[in-house]
Amino acid sequence: IDAVEPNSDQVSIYPNPASDFVTIAIHGQELKQIVLMQADGKLLKTVQPQQATYELDLNDVNAGMYFIRVSGNRESIVKKIVVTH
């Protein structure tokens, strides 16, 4: 897992905590890939968004803590999210 950068303003992920979905946006870069991982690093989802902002469906994951790696054309940023149902 890349370094977690909780204060990075390059990526917006909201709402957090989330229940049904999160909206992900990367600023100043092209959004290339979104990876959802469990806290232990197990890969759950990988998507290649076709737009600058993406809504990631969370209805098929259990409540808990997860990491989202957001990759742009210049860098990858990992942020923590909490899913509640």
N, C-alpha and C. Protein backbone atom coordinates (compact mmCIF):
# COMPACT_ATOMS: atom_id res chain seq x y z
N ILE A 1 0.86 -1.18 0.00
CA ILE A 1 0.00 0.00 0.00
C ILE A 1 0.90 1.23 0.00
N ASP A 2 0.57 2.21 -0.82
CA ASP A 2 1.30 3.46 -0.84
C ASP A 2 1.06 4.19 0.48
N ALA A 3 1.84 5.21 0.70
CA ALA A 3 1.71 5.99 1.94
C ALA A 3 0.33 6.63 2.02
N VAL A 4 -0.24 6.57 3.20
CA VAL A 4 -1.54 7.21 3.43
C VAL A 4 -1.30 8.69 3.66
N GLU A 5 -2.01 9.52 2.93
CA GLU A 5 -1.85 10.96 3.05
C GLU A 5 -3.19 11.58 3.43
N PRO A 6 -3.57 11.52 4.72
CA PRO A 6 -4.90 11.97 5.12
C PRO A 6 -5.15 13.45 4.91
N ASN A 7 -4.10 14.27 4.84
CA ASN A 7 -4.29 15.71 4.70
C ASN A 7 -4.14 16.19 3.26
N SER A 8 -3.99 15.27 2.34
CA SER A 8 -3.81 15.65 0.95
C SER A 8 -5.08 16.30 0.41
N ASP A 9 -4.91 17.44 -0.24
CA ASP A 9 -6.06 18.11 -0.84
C ASP A 9 -6.16 17.81 -2.33
N GLN A 10 -5.34 16.89 -2.83
CA GLN A 10 -5.38 16.51 -4.23
C GLN A 10 -6.59 15.64 -4.54
N VAL A 11 -7.10 14.92 -3.54
CA VAL A 11 -8.21 13.99 -3.74
C VAL A 11 -9.32 14.31 -2.76
N SER A 12 -10.55 14.34 -3.27
CA SER A 12 -11.73 14.50 -2.42
C SER A 12 -12.51 13.19 -2.44
N ILE A 13 -12.82 12.67 -1.24
CA ILE A 13 -13.64 11.48 -1.11
C ILE A 13 -14.72 11.81 -0.07
N TYR A 14 -15.96 11.78 -0.50
CA TYR A 14 -17.05 12.14 0.40
C TYR A 14 -18.32 11.40 0.01
N PRO A 15 -19.26 11.18 0.92
CA PRO A 15 -19.14 11.42 2.36
C PRO A 15 -18.24 10.36 3.02
N ASN A 16 -17.72 10.68 4.16
CA ASN A 16 -16.90 9.74 4.92
C ASN A 16 -17.16 10.00 6.39
N PRO A 17 -17.87 9.11 7.09
CA PRO A 17 -18.26 7.75 6.71
C PRO A 17 -19.34 7.74 5.63
N ALA A 18 -19.38 6.63 4.91
CA ALA A 18 -20.31 6.45 3.79
C ALA A 18 -21.16 5.22 4.02
N SER A 19 -22.32 5.18 3.34
CA SER A 19 -23.16 3.99 3.46
C SER A 19 -23.39 3.32 2.11
N ASP A 20 -23.87 4.05 1.12
CA ASP A 20 -24.20 3.44 -0.17
C ASP A 20 -23.15 3.68 -1.24
N PHE A 21 -22.52 4.85 -1.23
CA PHE A 21 -21.52 5.19 -2.23
C PHE A 21 -20.62 6.30 -1.71
N VAL A 22 -19.47 6.48 -2.34
CA VAL A 22 -18.61 7.64 -2.11
C VAL A 22 -18.35 8.30 -3.45
N THR A 23 -18.23 9.60 -3.41
CA THR A 23 -17.85 10.36 -4.59
C THR A 23 -16.36 10.65 -4.49
N ILE A 24 -15.64 10.37 -5.57
CA ILE A 24 -14.19 10.52 -5.60
C ILE A 24 -13.83 11.49 -6.72
N ALA A 25 -13.02 12.49 -6.38
CA ALA A 25 -12.56 13.46 -7.38
C ALA A 25 -11.08 13.73 -7.14
N ILE A 26 -10.32 13.85 -8.21
CA ILE A 26 -8.91 14.20 -8.12
C ILE A 26 -8.75 15.58 -8.76
N HIS A 27 -7.94 16.42 -8.15
CA HIS A 27 -7.83 17.81 -8.56
C HIS A 27 -6.49 18.04 -9.28
N GLY A 28 -6.56 18.68 -10.42
CA GLY A 28 -5.36 19.04 -11.16
C GLY A 28 -4.73 17.91 -11.93
N GLN A 29 -5.39 16.77 -12.02
CA GLN A 29 -4.88 15.61 -12.74
C GLN A 29 -6.04 14.90 -13.41
N GLU A 30 -5.70 13.96 -14.25
CA GLU A 30 -6.68 13.08 -14.86
C GLU A 30 -6.89 11.87 -13.95
N LEU A 31 -8.12 11.50 -13.67
CA LEU A 31 -8.43 10.35 -12.83
C LEU A 31 -8.26 9.07 -13.64
N LYS A 32 -7.26 8.25 -13.28
CA LYS A 32 -6.91 7.07 -14.07
C LYS A 32 -7.47 5.77 -13.49
N GLN A 33 -7.33 5.59 -12.16
CA GLN A 33 -7.74 4.33 -11.56
C GLN A 33 -8.14 4.53 -10.10
N ILE A 34 -9.14 3.75 -9.67
CA ILE A 34 -9.58 3.73 -8.28
C ILE A 34 -9.53 2.28 -7.82
N VAL A 35 -8.87 2.05 -6.68
CA VAL A 35 -8.75 0.71 -6.11
C VAL A 35 -9.30 0.75 -4.70
N LEU A 36 -10.26 -0.15 -4.40
CA LEU A 36 -10.81 -0.29 -3.06
C LEU A 36 -10.18 -1.52 -2.41
N MET A 37 -9.59 -1.33 -1.21
CA MET A 37 -8.92 -2.42 -0.50
C MET A 37 -9.43 -2.52 0.92
N GLN A 38 -9.44 -3.75 1.44
CA GLN A 38 -9.72 -3.94 2.85
C GLN A 38 -8.54 -3.42 3.65
N ALA A 39 -8.72 -3.27 4.96
CA ALA A 39 -7.65 -2.77 5.81
C ALA A 39 -6.41 -3.66 5.79
N ASP A 40 -6.58 -4.96 5.49
CA ASP A 40 -5.44 -5.87 5.43
C ASP A 40 -4.76 -5.88 4.06
N GLY A 41 -5.24 -5.03 3.14
CA GLY A 41 -4.63 -4.93 1.82
C GLY A 41 -5.28 -5.77 0.74
N LYS A 42 -6.29 -6.58 1.09
CA LYS A 42 -6.96 -7.41 0.10
C LYS A 42 -7.73 -6.54 -0.89
N LEU A 43 -7.50 -6.77 -2.17
CA LEU A 43 -8.14 -6.02 -3.24
C LEU A 43 -9.61 -6.40 -3.36
N LEU A 44 -10.50 -5.41 -3.39
CA LEU A 44 -11.93 -5.65 -3.54
C LEU A 44 -12.46 -5.21 -4.90
N LYS A 45 -12.05 -4.02 -5.35
CA LYS A 45 -12.55 -3.47 -6.61
C LYS A 45 -11.44 -2.65 -7.26
N THR A 46 -11.44 -2.68 -8.58
CA THR A 46 -10.59 -1.79 -9.38
C THR A 46 -11.44 -1.24 -10.51
N VAL A 47 -11.44 0.07 -10.65
CA VAL A 47 -12.19 0.70 -11.74
C VAL A 47 -11.31 1.73 -12.44
N GLN A 48 -11.54 1.88 -13.74
CA GLN A 48 -10.88 2.91 -14.53
C GLN A 48 -11.97 3.90 -14.95
N PRO A 49 -12.14 4.97 -14.17
CA PRO A 49 -13.21 5.92 -14.46
C PRO A 49 -12.98 6.64 -15.78
N GLN A 50 -14.05 7.02 -16.41
CA GLN A 50 -13.98 7.74 -17.68
C GLN A 50 -14.31 9.22 -17.51
N GLN A 51 -14.37 9.68 -16.27
CA GLN A 51 -14.68 11.08 -16.00
C GLN A 51 -13.85 11.57 -14.82
N ALA A 52 -13.87 12.88 -14.58
CA ALA A 52 -13.05 13.49 -13.53
C ALA A 52 -13.56 13.17 -12.13
N THR A 53 -14.85 12.90 -12.00
CA THR A 53 -15.46 12.56 -10.72
C THR A 53 -16.16 11.23 -10.88
N TYR A 54 -16.08 10.38 -9.85
CA TYR A 54 -16.64 9.04 -9.96
C TYR A 54 -17.38 8.68 -8.68
N GLU A 55 -18.55 8.05 -8.80
CA GLU A 55 -19.28 7.53 -7.64
C GLU A 55 -19.02 6.04 -7.53
N LEU A 56 -18.38 5.63 -6.44
CA LEU A 56 -18.05 4.23 -6.20
C LEU A 56 -19.15 3.60 -5.35
N ASP A 57 -19.80 2.56 -5.88
CA ASP A 57 -20.88 1.86 -5.19
C ASP A 57 -20.29 1.01 -4.06
N LEU A 58 -20.84 1.18 -2.86
CA LEU A 58 -20.37 0.44 -1.68
C LEU A 58 -21.42 -0.53 -1.15
N ASN A 59 -22.51 -0.73 -1.86
CA ASN A 59 -23.59 -1.60 -1.38
C ASN A 59 -23.15 -3.05 -1.24
N ASP A 60 -22.11 -3.47 -1.96
CA ASP A 60 -21.68 -4.87 -1.92
C ASP A 60 -20.49 -5.12 -1.00
N VAL A 61 -20.14 -4.13 -0.16
CA VAL A 61 -19.07 -4.35 0.82
C VAL A 61 -19.64 -4.26 2.23
N ASN A 62 -19.04 -4.97 3.15
CA ASN A 62 -19.49 -4.97 4.54
C ASN A 62 -19.09 -3.67 5.22
N ALA A 63 -19.77 -3.37 6.31
CA ALA A 63 -19.39 -2.21 7.11
C ALA A 63 -17.98 -2.43 7.64
N GLY A 64 -17.22 -1.35 7.71
CA GLY A 64 -15.85 -1.44 8.22
C GLY A 64 -14.97 -0.35 7.65
N MET A 65 -13.66 -0.49 7.91
CA MET A 65 -12.68 0.47 7.42
C MET A 65 -12.03 -0.07 6.15
N TYR A 66 -11.84 0.81 5.17
CA TYR A 66 -11.25 0.45 3.89
C TYR A 66 -10.26 1.52 3.46
N PHE A 67 -9.42 1.17 2.50
CA PHE A 67 -8.53 2.13 1.87
C PHE A 67 -8.92 2.27 0.41
N ILE A 68 -8.87 3.49 -0.08
CA ILE A 68 -9.09 3.76 -1.50
C ILE A 68 -7.82 4.38 -2.05
N ARG A 69 -7.24 3.73 -3.08
CA ARG A 69 -6.09 4.30 -3.77
C ARG A 69 -6.60 4.97 -5.04
N VAL A 70 -6.36 6.25 -5.14
CA VAL A 70 -6.79 7.04 -6.29
C VAL A 70 -5.54 7.39 -7.08
N SER A 71 -5.50 6.97 -8.33
CA SER A 71 -4.33 7.22 -9.18
C SER A 71 -4.68 8.22 -10.27
N GLY A 72 -3.84 9.22 -10.39
CA GLY A 72 -3.94 10.19 -11.47
C GLY A 72 -2.82 9.96 -12.44
N ASN A 73 -2.64 10.90 -13.34
CA ASN A 73 -1.56 10.74 -14.31
C ASN A 73 -0.21 11.12 -13.73
N ARG A 74 -0.16 11.69 -12.51
CA ARG A 74 1.11 12.06 -11.90
C ARG A 74 1.41 11.35 -10.58
N GLU A 75 0.40 10.92 -9.84
CA GLU A 75 0.64 10.31 -8.54
C GLU A 75 -0.54 9.45 -8.10
N SER A 76 -0.29 8.65 -7.06
CA SER A 76 -1.34 7.86 -6.42
C SER A 76 -1.45 8.31 -4.97
N ILE A 77 -2.67 8.43 -4.50
CA ILE A 77 -2.91 8.84 -3.12
C ILE A 77 -3.84 7.81 -2.49
N VAL A 78 -3.52 7.40 -1.27
CA VAL A 78 -4.35 6.44 -0.54
C VAL A 78 -5.04 7.16 0.61
N LYS A 79 -6.35 6.96 0.70
CA LYS A 79 -7.12 7.54 1.80
C LYS A 79 -7.96 6.46 2.46
N LYS A 80 -8.25 6.67 3.74
CA LYS A 80 -9.05 5.75 4.51
C LYS A 80 -10.51 6.19 4.47
N ILE A 81 -11.42 5.22 4.33
CA ILE A 81 -12.85 5.51 4.44
C ILE A 81 -13.48 4.52 5.41
N VAL A 82 -14.61 4.92 5.95
CA VAL A 82 -15.39 4.06 6.83
C VAL A 82 -16.74 3.83 6.17
N VAL A 83 -17.14 2.57 6.07
CA VAL A 83 -18.42 2.21 5.47
C VAL A 83 -19.36 1.77 6.58
N THR A 84 -20.55 2.38 6.60
CA THR A 84 -21.60 2.00 7.56
C THR A 84 -22.83 1.64 6.74
N HIS A 85 -23.60 0.70 7.22
CA HIS A 85 -24.83 0.32 6.50
C HIS A 85 -26.02 0.39 7.42
